[in-house]
C-alpha atoms as a PDB file:
ATOM      1  CA  MET A   1     -31.270  20.370  20.685  1.00  0.00           C
ATOM      2  CA  THR A   2     -28.789  17.472  20.249  1.00  0.00           C
ATOM      3  CA  THR A   3     -30.582  14.603  18.701  1.00  0.00           C
ATOM      4  CA  THR A   4     -29.912  11.099  19.306  1.00  0.00           C
ATOM      5  CA  ALA A   5     -28.185  10.556  16.302  1.00  0.00           C
ATOM      6  CA  SER A   6     -26.010  13.895  16.850  1.00  0.00           C
ATOM      7  CA  LYS A   7     -25.063  12.529  19.790  1.00  0.00           C
ATOM      8  CA  VAL A   8     -24.284   8.877  18.268  1.00  0.00           C
ATOM      9  CA  LEU A   9     -21.912  10.635  15.585  1.00  0.00           C
ATOM     10  CA  ASP A  10     -20.452  12.938  18.625  1.00  0.00           C
ATOM     11  CA  ARG A  11     -18.509   9.826  19.720  1.00  0.00           C
ATOM     12  CA  VAL A  12     -17.076   9.623  16.223  1.00  0.00           C
ATOM     13  CA  LEU A  13     -15.190  12.783  15.918  1.00  0.00           C
ATOM     14  CA  VAL A  14     -15.368  14.179  12.749  1.00  0.00           C
ATOM     15  CA  LEU A  15     -11.628  14.478  12.199  1.00  0.00           C
ATOM     16  CA  GLU A  16     -11.473  10.869  12.366  1.00  0.00           C
ATOM     17  CA  MET A  17     -13.162  10.433   9.162  1.00  0.00           C
ATOM     18  CA  VAL A  18     -10.496  12.521   7.642  1.00  0.00           C
ATOM     19  CA  ARG A  19      -7.766  10.076   8.807  1.00  0.00           C
ATOM     20  CA  VAL A  20      -9.371   7.578   7.470  1.00  0.00           C
ATOM     21  CA  THR A  21      -9.856   8.916   3.981  1.00  0.00           C
ATOM     22  CA  GLU A  22      -6.313  10.202   3.939  1.00  0.00           C
ATOM     23  CA  ALA A  23      -5.063   6.713   4.577  1.00  0.00           C
ATOM     24  CA  ALA A  24      -6.811   5.517   1.627  1.00  0.00           C
ATOM     25  CA  ALA A  25      -5.676   8.020  -0.760  1.00  0.00           C
ATOM     26  CA  VAL A  26      -2.127   7.722   0.586  1.00  0.00           C
ATOM     27  CA  ALA A  27      -2.572   3.854  -0.423  1.00  0.00           C
ATOM     28  CA  ALA A  28      -3.970   4.163  -3.656  1.00  0.00           C
ATOM     29  CA  SER A  29      -1.476   7.322  -4.245  1.00  0.00           C
ATOM     30  CA  THR A  30       1.398   5.156  -4.794  1.00  0.00           C
ATOM     31  CA  LEU A  31      -0.153   3.335  -8.065  1.00  0.00           C
ATOM     32  CA  VAL A  32      -1.211   6.595  -9.583  1.00  0.00           C
ATOM     33  CA  GLY A  33      -0.591   6.185 -13.432  1.00  0.00           C
ATOM     34  CA  ARG A  34       0.285   2.445 -13.355  1.00  0.00           C
ATOM     35  CA  GLY A  35      -2.372   1.578 -15.648  1.00  0.00           C
ATOM     36  CA  ASP A  36      -3.361  -1.184 -12.726  1.00  0.00           C
ATOM     37  CA  GLU A  37      -6.912  -0.320 -11.272  1.00  0.00           C
ATOM     38  CA  LYS A  38      -7.461  -3.391  -9.201  1.00  0.00           C
ATOM     39  CA  ALA A  39      -3.937  -3.085  -7.376  1.00  0.00           C
ATOM     40  CA  ALA A  40      -4.832   0.566  -6.536  1.00  0.00           C
ATOM     41  CA  ASP A  41      -8.299  -0.133  -5.227  1.00  0.00           C
ATOM     42  CA  ALA A  42      -7.176  -3.250  -3.335  1.00  0.00           C
ATOM     43  CA  ALA A  43      -4.475  -0.525  -1.509  1.00  0.00           C
ATOM     44  CA  ALA A  44      -7.065   1.691  -1.161  1.00  0.00           C
ATOM     45  CA  VAL A  45      -9.400  -1.146   0.575  1.00  0.00           C
ATOM     46  CA  GLU A  46      -6.997  -2.037   2.881  1.00  0.00           C
ATOM     47  CA  ALA A  47      -6.009   0.811   4.104  1.00  0.00           C
ATOM     48  CA  MET A  48      -9.220   2.545   4.787  1.00  0.00           C
ATOM     49  CA  ARG A  49     -10.260  -1.277   6.403  1.00  0.00           C
ATOM     50  CA  ALA A  50      -7.177  -0.602   9.198  1.00  0.00           C
ATOM     51  CA  ALA A  51      -8.235   3.152   9.522  1.00  0.00           C
ATOM     52  CA  LEU A  52     -11.876   1.726  10.235  1.00  0.00           C
ATOM     53  CA  ASN A  53     -10.857  -0.853  12.306  1.00  0.00           C
ATOM     54  CA  GLU A  54      -9.348   1.457  15.174  1.00  0.00           C
ATOM     55  CA  LEU A  55     -12.374   3.684  15.700  1.00  0.00           C
ATOM     56  CA  TYR A  56     -14.414   3.030  18.902  1.00  0.00           C
ATOM     57  CA  MET A  57     -17.406   2.275  16.945  1.00  0.00           C
ATOM     58  CA  ASP A  58     -19.670  -0.548  15.685  1.00  0.00           C
ATOM     59  CA  GLY A  59     -19.841   0.291  12.401  1.00  0.00           C
ATOM     60  CA  THR A  60     -21.592  -1.632   9.483  1.00  0.00           C
ATOM     61  CA  VAL A  61     -20.810  -1.249   6.018  1.00  0.00           C
ATOM     62  CA  VAL A  62     -23.825  -0.356   4.156  1.00  0.00           C
ATOM     63  CA  ILE A  63     -22.201   0.446   0.974  1.00  0.00           C
ATOM     64  CA  GLY A  64     -19.143  -0.900  -0.104  1.00  0.00           C
ATOM     65  CA  GLU A  65     -17.199  -2.797  -2.908  1.00  0.00           C
ATOM     66  CA  GLY A  66     -19.897  -5.325  -3.248  1.00  0.00           C
ATOM     67  CA  GLU A  67     -21.298  -8.283  -1.615  1.00  0.00           C
ATOM     68  CA  ARG A  68     -19.522 -10.789   0.310  1.00  0.00           C
ATOM     69  CA  ASP A  69     -19.129 -12.897  -2.687  1.00  0.00           C
ATOM     70  CA  GLU A  70     -17.942 -10.589  -4.341  1.00  0.00           C
ATOM     71  CA  ALA A  71     -15.544  -8.367  -2.190  1.00  0.00           C
ATOM     72  CA  PRO A  72     -12.875 -10.000  -0.215  1.00  0.00           C
ATOM     73  CA  MET A  73     -12.662  -6.359   2.045  1.00  0.00           C
ATOM     74  CA  LEU A  74     -15.507  -4.043   2.917  1.00  0.00           C
ATOM     75  CA  TYR A  75     -18.418  -5.849   1.396  1.00  0.00           C
ATOM     76  CA  ILE A  76     -21.958  -5.200   2.080  1.00  0.00           C
ATOM     77  CA  GLY A  77     -22.638  -5.886   5.709  1.00  0.00           C
ATOM     78  CA  GLU A  78     -19.121  -6.482   6.509  1.00  0.00           C
ATOM     79  CA  LYS A  79     -18.644  -5.086  10.179  1.00  0.00           C
ATOM     80  CA  VAL A  80     -15.636  -2.269  11.269  1.00  0.00           C
ATOM     81  CA  GLY A  81     -14.280  -0.629  14.263  1.00  0.00           C
ATOM     82  CA  SER A  82     -12.888  -1.903  17.723  1.00  0.00           C
ATOM     83  CA  ALA A  83     -15.939  -1.603  19.507  1.00  0.00           C
ATOM     84  CA  ILE A  84     -18.331  -4.320  17.690  1.00  0.00           C
ATOM     85  CA  GLY A  85     -21.234  -5.024  19.964  1.00  0.00           C
ATOM     86  CA  LYS A  86     -20.676  -2.298  22.708  1.00  0.00           C
ATOM     87  CA  GLY A  87     -19.429   0.780  20.434  1.00  0.00           C
ATOM     88  CA  PRO A  88     -22.166   3.260  18.837  1.00  0.00           C
ATOM     89  CA  LYS A  89     -23.839   1.841  16.209  1.00  0.00           C
ATOM     90  CA  ILE A  90     -22.560   3.679  12.906  1.00  0.00           C
ATOM     91  CA  ASP A  91     -24.061   2.769   9.276  1.00  0.00           C
ATOM     92  CA  ILE A  92     -21.106   3.375   6.559  1.00  0.00           C
ATOM     93  CA  ALA A  93     -20.966   4.098   3.007  1.00  0.00           C
ATOM     94  CA  LEU A  94     -17.797   4.105   1.236  1.00  0.00           C
ATOM     95  CA  ASP A  95     -15.714   4.081  -1.782  1.00  0.00           C
ATOM     96  CA  PRO A  96     -12.223   3.698  -0.895  1.00  0.00           C
ATOM     97  CA  LEU A  97     -11.058   4.913  -4.632  1.00  0.00           C
ATOM     98  CA  GLU A  98     -13.620   6.490  -6.533  1.00  0.00           C
ATOM     99  CA  GLY A  99     -12.898   6.739 -10.116  1.00  0.00           C
ATOM    100  CA  THR A 100     -10.049   3.515 -10.043  1.00  0.00           C
ATOM    101  CA  THR A 101      -9.610   4.311 -13.641  1.00  0.00           C
ATOM    102  CA  ILE A 102      -8.874   7.841 -13.346  1.00  0.00           C
ATOM    103  CA  CYS A 103      -6.365   7.142 -10.868  1.00  0.00           C
ATOM    104  CA  ALA A 104      -4.517   4.353 -13.194  1.00  0.00           C
ATOM    105  CA  THR A 105      -4.253   6.614 -15.765  1.00  0.00           C
ATOM    106  CA  ALA A 106      -3.659   9.399 -13.589  1.00  0.00           C
ATOM    107  CA  GLY A 107      -6.911  11.957 -14.514  1.00  0.00           C
ATOM    108  CA  PRO A 108      -8.591  14.142 -12.667  1.00  0.00           C
ATOM    109  CA  ASN A 109     -11.164  13.486  -9.354  1.00  0.00           C
ATOM    110  CA  SER A 110     -10.210  10.164  -8.279  1.00  0.00           C
ATOM    111  CA  LEU A 111     -10.989  10.409  -4.604  1.00  0.00           C
ATOM    112  CA  ALA A 112     -11.394   8.258  -1.187  1.00  0.00           C
ATOM    113  CA  VAL A 113     -15.046   8.845  -0.031  1.00  0.00           C
ATOM    114  CA  LEU A 114     -16.670   7.932   2.911  1.00  0.00           C
ATOM    115  CA  ALA A 115     -20.013   9.124   4.609  1.00  0.00           C
ATOM    116  CA  ILE A 116     -21.142   7.349   8.069  1.00  0.00           C
ATOM    117  CA  ALA A 117     -25.018   8.283   9.698  1.00  0.00           C
ATOM    118  CA  GLU A 118     -26.467   6.544  12.883  1.00  0.00           C
ATOM    119  CA  GLU A 119     -27.887   3.205  12.451  1.00  0.00           C
ATOM    120  CA  GLY A 120     -30.294   2.965   9.391  1.00  0.00           C
ATOM    121  CA  GLY A 121     -29.510   6.356   8.092  1.00  0.00           C
ATOM    122  CA  LEU A 122     -28.123   5.429   4.865  1.00  0.00           C
ATOM    123  CA  LEU A 123     -30.038   3.761   2.364  1.00  0.00           C
ATOM    124  CA  ASN A 124     -28.785   0.326   1.770  1.00  0.00           C
ATOM    125  CA  ALA A 125     -28.738   0.242  -2.081  1.00  0.00           C
ATOM    126  CA  PRO A 126     -27.661  -2.723  -4.016  1.00  0.00           C
ATOM    127  CA  ASP A 127     -24.759  -2.595  -6.502  1.00  0.00           C
ATOM    128  CA  VAL A 128     -26.840  -1.571  -9.615  1.00  0.00           C
ATOM    129  CA  TYR A 129     -26.887   1.152 -11.489  1.00  0.00           C
ATOM    130  CA  MET A 130     -29.177   4.479 -10.491  1.00  0.00           C
ATOM    131  CA  GLU A 131     -30.070   7.220 -12.765  1.00  0.00           C
ATOM    132  CA  LYS A 132     -29.431  10.416 -11.362  1.00  0.00           C
ATOM    133  CA  ILE A 133     -30.092  14.305 -11.057  1.00  0.00           C
ATOM    134  CA  ALA A 134     -28.640  16.598  -8.944  1.00  0.00           C
ATOM    135  CA  VAL A 135     -28.575  20.678  -8.131  1.00  0.00           C
ATOM    136  CA  GLY A 136     -26.668  22.740  -5.878  1.00  0.00           C
ATOM    137  CA  PRO A 137     -28.463  25.031  -3.062  1.00  0.00           C
ATOM    138  CA  GLY A 138     -30.931  27.818  -4.134  1.00  0.00           C
ATOM    139  CA  TYR A 139     -32.922  26.688  -6.283  1.00  0.00           C
ATOM    140  CA  PRO A 140     -37.167  26.278  -5.209  1.00  0.00           C
ATOM    141  CA  ASP A 141     -38.120  22.598  -3.664  1.00  0.00           C
ATOM    142  CA  GLY A 142     -38.867  19.988  -6.467  1.00  0.00           C
ATOM    143  CA  ILE A 143     -37.070  21.620  -9.233  1.00  0.00           C
ATOM    144  CA  ILE A 144     -35.838  18.610 -10.024  1.00  0.00           C
ATOM    145  CA  ASP A 145     -37.653  15.521 -11.134  1.00  0.00           C
ATOM    146  CA  LEU A 146     -37.023  12.235 -12.821  1.00  0.00           C
ATOM    147  CA  ASP A 147     -40.167  11.831 -14.099  1.00  0.00           C
ATOM    148  CA  LYS A 148     -39.778  14.927 -16.123  1.00  0.00           C
ATOM    149  CA  SER A 149     -37.604  14.956 -19.221  1.00  0.00           C
ATOM    150  CA  PRO A 150     -34.181  16.122 -19.685  1.00  0.00           C
ATOM    151  CA  THR A 151     -35.920  19.206 -21.452  1.00  0.00           C
ATOM    152  CA  GLU A 152     -38.385  20.071 -18.794  1.00  0.00           C
ATOM    153  CA  ASN A 153     -35.620  19.821 -15.873  1.00  0.00           C
ATOM    154  CA  ILE A 154     -33.105  22.153 -17.820  1.00  0.00           C
ATOM    155  CA  LYS A 155     -35.724  24.418 -18.775  1.00  0.00           C
ATOM    156  CA  ALA A 156     -36.989  24.530 -14.898  1.00  0.00           C
ATOM    157  CA  VAL A 157     -33.405  25.340 -13.646  1.00  0.00           C
ATOM    158  CA  ALA A 158     -32.767  27.817 -16.562  1.00  0.00           C
ATOM    159  CA  ALA A 159     -36.300  29.594 -15.779  1.00  0.00           C
ATOM    160  CA  ALA A 160     -35.190  29.732 -11.663  1.00  0.00           C
ATOM    161  CA  LYS A 161     -31.611  30.902 -12.725  1.00  0.00           C
ATOM    162  CA  GLY A 162     -33.404  33.977 -15.029  1.00  0.00           C
ATOM    163  CA  VAL A 163     -31.304  32.757 -18.226  1.00  0.00           C
ATOM    164  CA  ASP A 164     -31.818  30.685 -21.458  1.00  0.00           C
ATOM    165  CA  PRO A 165     -31.291  27.371 -21.481  1.00  0.00           C
ATOM    166  CA  SER A 166     -27.660  28.002 -23.529  1.00  0.00           C
ATOM    167  CA  GLN A 167     -26.896  29.226 -20.328  1.00  0.00           C
ATOM    168  CA  ILE A 168     -26.884  25.839 -18.229  1.00  0.00           C
ATOM    169  CA  ILE A 169     -24.013  23.494 -18.142  1.00  0.00           C
ATOM    170  CA  ALA A 170     -25.035  20.022 -17.215  1.00  0.00           C
ATOM    171  CA  CYS A 171     -22.342  17.335 -16.341  1.00  0.00           C
ATOM    172  CA  VAL A 172     -22.817  14.166 -17.898  1.00  0.00           C
ATOM    173  CA  LEU A 173     -20.786  10.649 -17.774  1.00  0.00           C
ATOM    174  CA  ASP A 174     -19.470   9.561 -20.900  1.00  0.00           C
ATOM    175  CA  ARG A 175     -20.595   6.561 -21.708  1.00  0.00           C
ATOM    176  CA  PRO A 176     -22.399   5.248 -24.851  1.00  0.00           C
ATOM    177  CA  ARG A 177     -25.839   4.753 -22.429  1.00  0.00           C
ATOM    178  CA  HIS A 178     -25.972   8.970 -22.339  1.00  0.00           C
ATOM    179  CA  GLU A 179     -25.840   9.254 -25.991  1.00  0.00           C
ATOM    180  CA  LYS A 180     -29.826  10.491 -26.352  1.00  0.00           C
ATOM    181  CA  LEU A 181     -29.492  12.763 -23.481  1.00  0.00           C
ATOM    182  CA  ILE A 182     -26.444  14.394 -24.774  1.00  0.00           C
ATOM    183  CA  ALA A 183     -28.207  14.890 -27.852  1.00  0.00           C
ATOM    184  CA  GLU A 184     -31.457  16.171 -26.527  1.00  0.00           C
ATOM    185  CA  LEU A 185     -29.348  18.108 -24.281  1.00  0.00           C
ATOM    186  CA  ARG A 186     -27.307  19.708 -27.312  1.00  0.00           C
ATOM    187  CA  GLY A 187     -30.292  20.395 -29.069  1.00  0.00           C
ATOM    188  CA  LEU A 188     -31.018  22.762 -26.105  1.00  0.00           C
ATOM    189  CA  GLY A 189     -27.793  24.266 -26.471  1.00  0.00           C
ATOM    190  CA  VAL A 190     -27.085  23.159 -23.180  1.00  0.00           C
ATOM    191  CA  GLY A 191     -23.166  23.280 -22.277  1.00  0.00           C
ATOM    192  CA  ILE A 192     -21.834  19.827 -21.570  1.00  0.00           C
ATOM    193  CA  MET A 193     -19.351  18.805 -18.987  1.00  0.00           C
ATOM    194  CA  LEU A 194     -18.399  15.060 -19.790  1.00  0.00           C
ATOM    195  CA  ILE A 195     -16.577  12.973 -17.418  1.00  0.00           C
ATOM    196  CA  GLY A 196     -14.956  10.158 -17.817  1.00  0.00           C
ATOM    197  CA  ASP A 197     -15.703   8.688 -14.255  1.00  0.00           C
ATOM    198  CA  GLY A 198     -16.110   9.933 -10.699  1.00  0.00           C
ATOM    199  CA  ASP A 199     -19.226  10.868 -10.273  1.00  0.00           C
ATOM    200  CA  VAL A 200     -19.152  11.786  -6.498  1.00  0.00           C
ATOM    201  CA  ALA A 201     -16.939  14.559  -7.238  1.00  0.00           C
ATOM    202  CA  GLY A 202     -19.610  15.280 -10.393  1.00  0.00           C
ATOM    203  CA  VAL A 203     -22.451  15.578  -8.141  1.00  0.00           C
ATOM    204  CA  ILE A 204     -20.917  17.486  -5.618  1.00  0.00           C
ATOM    205  CA  ALA A 205     -19.382  19.977  -8.220  1.00  0.00           C
ATOM    206  CA  THR A 206     -23.051  20.992  -8.631  1.00  0.00           C
ATOM    207  CA  THR A 207     -22.736  23.011  -5.145  1.00  0.00           C
ATOM    208  CA  ASN A 208     -19.839  24.949  -6.023  1.00  0.00           C
ATOM    209  CA  PRO A 209     -20.280  27.837  -8.774  1.00  0.00           C
ATOM    210  CA  ASP A 210     -16.732  28.084  -9.848  1.00  0.00           C
ATOM    211  CA  THR A 211     -16.904  24.809 -11.276  1.00  0.00           C
ATOM    212  CA  THR A 212     -19.900  26.727 -13.559  1.00  0.00           C
ATOM    213  CA  ILE A 213     -21.713  23.557 -13.141  1.00  0.00           C
ATOM    214  CA  ASP A 214     -25.286  23.518 -13.100  1.00  0.00           C
ATOM    215  CA  ILE A 215     -26.833  20.215 -12.856  1.00  0.00           C
ATOM    216  CA  TYR A 216     -25.734  16.748 -12.748  1.00  0.00           C
ATOM    217  CA  MET A 217     -27.568  14.373 -15.157  1.00  0.00           C
ATOM    218  CA  GLY A 218     -27.337  10.493 -16.178  1.00  0.00           C
ATOM    219  CA  SER A 219     -27.131   7.081 -14.764  1.00  0.00           C
ATOM    220  CA  GLY A 220     -23.917   5.767 -12.342  1.00  0.00           C
ATOM    221  CA  GLY A 221     -23.343   3.652  -9.617  1.00  0.00           C
ATOM    222  CA  ALA A 222     -26.242   3.301  -6.662  1.00  0.00           C
ATOM    223  CA  PRO A 223     -23.436   3.309  -4.241  1.00  0.00           C
ATOM    224  CA  GLU A 224     -21.980   6.630  -5.409  1.00  0.00           C
ATOM    225  CA  GLY A 225     -25.047   8.319  -5.614  1.00  0.00           C
ATOM    226  CA  VAL A 226     -25.812   7.326  -1.889  1.00  0.00           C
ATOM    227  CA  LEU A 227     -22.360   9.049  -0.511  1.00  0.00           C
ATOM    228  CA  ALA A 228     -23.592  11.923  -3.097  1.00  0.00           C
ATOM    229  CA  ALA A 229     -26.512  12.227  -1.623  1.00  0.00           C
ATOM    230  CA  ALA A 230     -25.072  12.372   1.669  1.00  0.00           C
ATOM    231  CA  ALA A 231     -22.847  15.221   0.615  1.00  0.00           C
ATOM    232  CA  LEU A 232     -25.452  17.096  -0.356  1.00  0.00           C
ATOM    233  CA  ARG A 233     -26.962  16.601   3.022  1.00  0.00           C
ATOM    234  CA  CYS A 234     -24.080  18.552   4.589  1.00  0.00           C
ATOM    235  CA  VAL A 235     -23.820  21.488   1.993  1.00  0.00           C
ATOM    236  CA  GLY A 236     -27.386  21.554   0.267  1.00  0.00           C
ATOM    237  CA  GLY A 237     -28.687  20.960  -2.608  1.00  0.00           C
ATOM    238  CA  GLN A 238     -31.154  18.392  -4.389  1.00  0.00           C
ATOM    239  CA  PHE A 239     -30.856  15.047  -5.594  1.00  0.00           C
ATOM    240  CA  LYS A 240     -32.965  12.666  -7.002  1.00  0.00           C
ATOM    241  CA  GLY A 241     -32.365   8.808  -7.771  1.00  0.00           C
ATOM    242  CA  ARG A 242     -34.008   5.635  -8.949  1.00  0.00           C
ATOM    243  CA  LEU A 243     -32.377   2.457  -8.852  1.00  0.00           C
ATOM    244  CA  ILE A 244     -32.182   0.916 -12.645  1.00  0.00           C
ATOM    245  CA  PHE A 245     -32.735  -2.810 -12.680  1.00  0.00           C
ATOM    246  CA  ARG A 246     -31.445  -4.589 -16.055  1.00  0.00           C
ATOM    247  CA  ASN A 247     -32.153  -8.643 -15.234  1.00  0.00           C
ATOM    248  CA  ASP A 248     -33.961 -10.838 -12.678  1.00  0.00           C
ATOM    249  CA  ASP A 249     -30.507 -11.489 -10.985  1.00  0.00           C
ATOM    250  CA  GLU A 250     -30.232  -7.329  -9.935  1.00  0.00           C
ATOM    251  CA  ARG A 251     -34.253  -7.342  -8.916  1.00  0.00           C
ATOM    252  CA  ALA A 252     -33.277 -10.314  -6.469  1.00  0.00           C
ATOM    253  CA  ARG A 253     -30.451  -8.110  -5.262  1.00  0.00           C
ATOM    254  CA  ALA A 254     -32.422  -5.658  -4.345  1.00  0.00           C
ATOM    255  CA  ALA A 255     -35.219  -7.685  -2.555  1.00  0.00           C
ATOM    256  CA  LYS A 256     -32.064  -8.973  -0.252  1.00  0.00           C
ATOM    257  CA  TRP A 257     -31.217  -5.868   0.975  1.00  0.00           C
ATOM    258  CA  GLY A 258     -35.003  -4.827   1.401  1.00  0.00           C
ATOM    259  CA  VAL A 259     -35.860  -3.004  -1.434  1.00  0.00           C
ATOM    260  CA  THR A 260     -39.432  -3.594  -2.242  1.00  0.00           C
ATOM    261  CA  ASP A 261     -40.688  -0.594  -4.360  1.00  0.00           C
ATOM    262  CA  LEU A 262     -38.738  -1.381  -7.610  1.00  0.00           C
ATOM    263  CA  ASP A 263     -39.689   2.028  -9.151  1.00  0.00           C
ATOM    264  CA  LYS A 264     -39.650   4.065  -6.162  1.00  0.00           C
ATOM    265  CA  GLN A 265     -37.684   7.933  -7.148  1.00  0.00           C
ATOM    266  CA  TYR A 266     -35.597   8.309  -3.993  1.00  0.00           C
ATOM    267  CA  ASP A 267     -35.237  11.843  -2.551  1.00  0.00           C
ATOM    268  CA  LEU A 268     -32.259  13.286  -0.840  1.00  0.00           C
ATOM    269  CA  THR A 269     -33.259  12.364   2.767  1.00  0.00           C
ATOM    270  CA  GLU A 270     -34.508   8.968   2.066  1.00  0.00           C
ATOM    271  CA  LEU A 271     -30.954   8.385   0.848  1.00  0.00           C
ATOM    272  CA  ALA A 272     -29.317  10.269   3.628  1.00  0.00           C
ATOM    273  CA  LYS A 273     -31.707  10.694   6.351  1.00  0.00           C
ATOM    274  CA  GLY A 274     -30.554  12.056  10.081  1.00  0.00           C
ATOM    275  CA  ASP A 275     -27.193  13.664  10.794  1.00  0.00           C
ATOM    276  CA  CYS A 276     -24.673  12.266   8.703  1.00  0.00           C
ATOM    277  CA  ILE A 277     -20.786  12.849   7.936  1.00  0.00           C
ATOM    278  CA  PHE A 278     -19.155  12.962   4.747  1.00  0.00           C
ATOM    279  CA  ALA A 279     -15.689  12.713   4.702  1.00  0.00           C
ATOM    280  CA  ALA A 280     -13.175  12.748   1.234  1.00  0.00           C
ATOM    281  CA  THR A 281      -9.199  13.344   0.430  1.00  0.00           C
ATOM    282  CA  GLY A 282      -8.407  13.990  -3.193  1.00  0.00           C
ATOM    283  CA  VAL A 283      -6.093  10.705  -4.463  1.00  0.00           C
ATOM    284  CA  THR A 284      -5.222  12.794  -8.058  1.00  0.00           C
ATOM    285  CA  ASP A 285      -6.013  16.675  -8.509  1.00  0.00           C
ATOM    286  CA  GLY A 286      -9.376  17.301  -9.618  1.00  0.00           C
ATOM    287  CA  SER A 287     -12.495  20.190  -9.372  1.00  0.00           C
ATOM    288  CA  LEU A 288     -12.919  19.931  -5.606  1.00  0.00           C
ATOM    289  CA  LEU A 289      -9.917  19.040  -4.144  1.00  0.00           C
ATOM    290  CA  ALA A 290      -5.644  18.667  -4.825  1.00  0.00           C
ATOM    291  CA  GLY A 291      -4.325  15.524  -4.995  1.00  0.00           C
ATOM    292  CA  VAL A 292      -1.711  13.691  -3.060  1.00  0.00           C
ATOM    293  CA  LYS A 293       1.637  15.023  -3.360  1.00  0.00           C
ATOM    294  CA  ARG A 294       5.462  13.992  -2.378  1.00  0.00           C
ATOM    295  CA  LYS A 295       8.344  16.395  -2.229  1.00  0.00           C
ATOM    296  CA  GLY A 296      11.241  17.007  -0.206  1.00  0.00           C
ATOM    297  CA  GLY A 297      10.541  13.874   2.421  1.00  0.00           C
ATOM    298  CA  LYS A 298       7.050  15.671   2.630  1.00  0.00           C
ATOM    299  CA  MET A 299       3.527  14.276   1.385  1.00  0.00           C
ATOM    300  CA  THR A 300       0.612  16.550   1.649  1.00  0.00           C
ATOM    301  CA  THR A 301      -3.157  15.956   1.482  1.00  0.00           C
ATOM    302  CA  GLU A 302      -6.073  17.606   1.016  1.00  0.00           C
ATOM    303  CA  SER A 303      -9.471  16.718   2.627  1.00  0.00           C
ATOM    304  CA  VAL A 304     -13.074  18.170   2.816  1.00  0.00           C
ATOM    305  CA  VAL A 305     -15.600  17.241   5.570  1.00  0.00           C
ATOM    306  CA  MET A 306     -18.620  18.211   6.355  1.00  0.00           C
ATOM    307  CA  ARG A 307     -21.793  17.248   9.073  1.00  0.00           C
ATOM    308  CA  ALA A 308     -25.078  17.692   8.118  1.00  0.00           C
ATOM    309  CA  SER A 309     -26.797  18.436  11.671  1.00  0.00           C
ATOM    310  CA  SER A 310     -24.568  21.763  11.882  1.00  0.00           C
ATOM    311  CA  GLY A 311     -23.970  22.787   8.103  1.00  0.00           C
ATOM    312  CA  THR A 312     -20.380  22.820   8.549  1.00  0.00           C
ATOM    313  CA  VAL A 313     -17.745  22.189   5.926  1.00  0.00           C
ATOM    314  CA  ARG A 314     -14.279  22.122   7.260  1.00  0.00           C
ATOM    315  CA  TRP A 315     -11.462  22.071   4.104  1.00  0.00           C
ATOM    316  CA  VAL A 316      -8.299  20.390   6.027  1.00  0.00           C
ATOM    317  CA  LYS A 317      -4.741  20.440   4.584  1.00  0.00           C
ATOM    318  CA  GLY A 318      -2.076  17.525   5.927  1.00  0.00           C
ATOM    319  CA  GLU A 319       1.797  17.160   5.737  1.00  0.00           C
ATOM    320  CA  HIS A 320       2.985  13.742   6.642  1.00  0.00           C
ATOM    321  CA  ARG A 321       6.406  13.188   6.888  1.00  0.00           C
ATOM    322  CA  LEU A 322       7.094  10.009   4.316  1.00  0.00           C
ATOM    323  CA  GLY A 323       7.664   6.916   5.901  1.00  0.00           C
END
């Protein structure tokens, strides 16, 4: 049976989401390796906003570039679409340029990312940090838990795979705040893939056996957590997240967006529920997608689009004429 959510999202074609992420990726790609994070991000934001405003929908940005006083475009609460007040109501989580530093330095795994769901389907996460842990599909439910220590989680995953903890590979953001986590993992003999940025791609990598990554651990942006959860809803896997509040200002920000339980551990379906669509286009080459390429008067893009209700994953290679 087709759910109400599915009927709503049917009106916003899956491939339209790819066109939106393609637009952002292409715009950002002109600034790859130029060392200007702000300019690359601004180009991606402007292109994504313009593409969203061409779609027949009444869209609300629930995960964006920040709050209205901090971001001139695609801020949390901004309305987008060509049918505001009359089109299907859609919640949108987006990161026009996931990995701004990566793009500026021409590193791997910079993406343009977008997730949509019916109204109320995506958590209105404040722009704070989130403690995260994720694994791909095929494990018993509840195998990971933020209330357990890293050692306990690693041993649980290793036992489920039938291997020693030393055979597990964890993906962790390379940040000073993770020194204790890294030391604990290395004490178990765990292999660690450190990434400089781009934790949406890091979480999704747990679903692809070719990456050899078994588990994602550590803290990163809460908005990226919601985006990653939407992707896992589509392809399978488990994700746990808990918001981190460092001061009273961040706690007040959470209250503004309706977060009342500050210690809550969010499950996958609490971050992204109902039917949802996730799309991403590569800006630079990475483990998930190839980046934008220009050659001989043409430009190529590589994207992925996933849908939770059908479990389908489409890989889209685009060829565009320059100019």
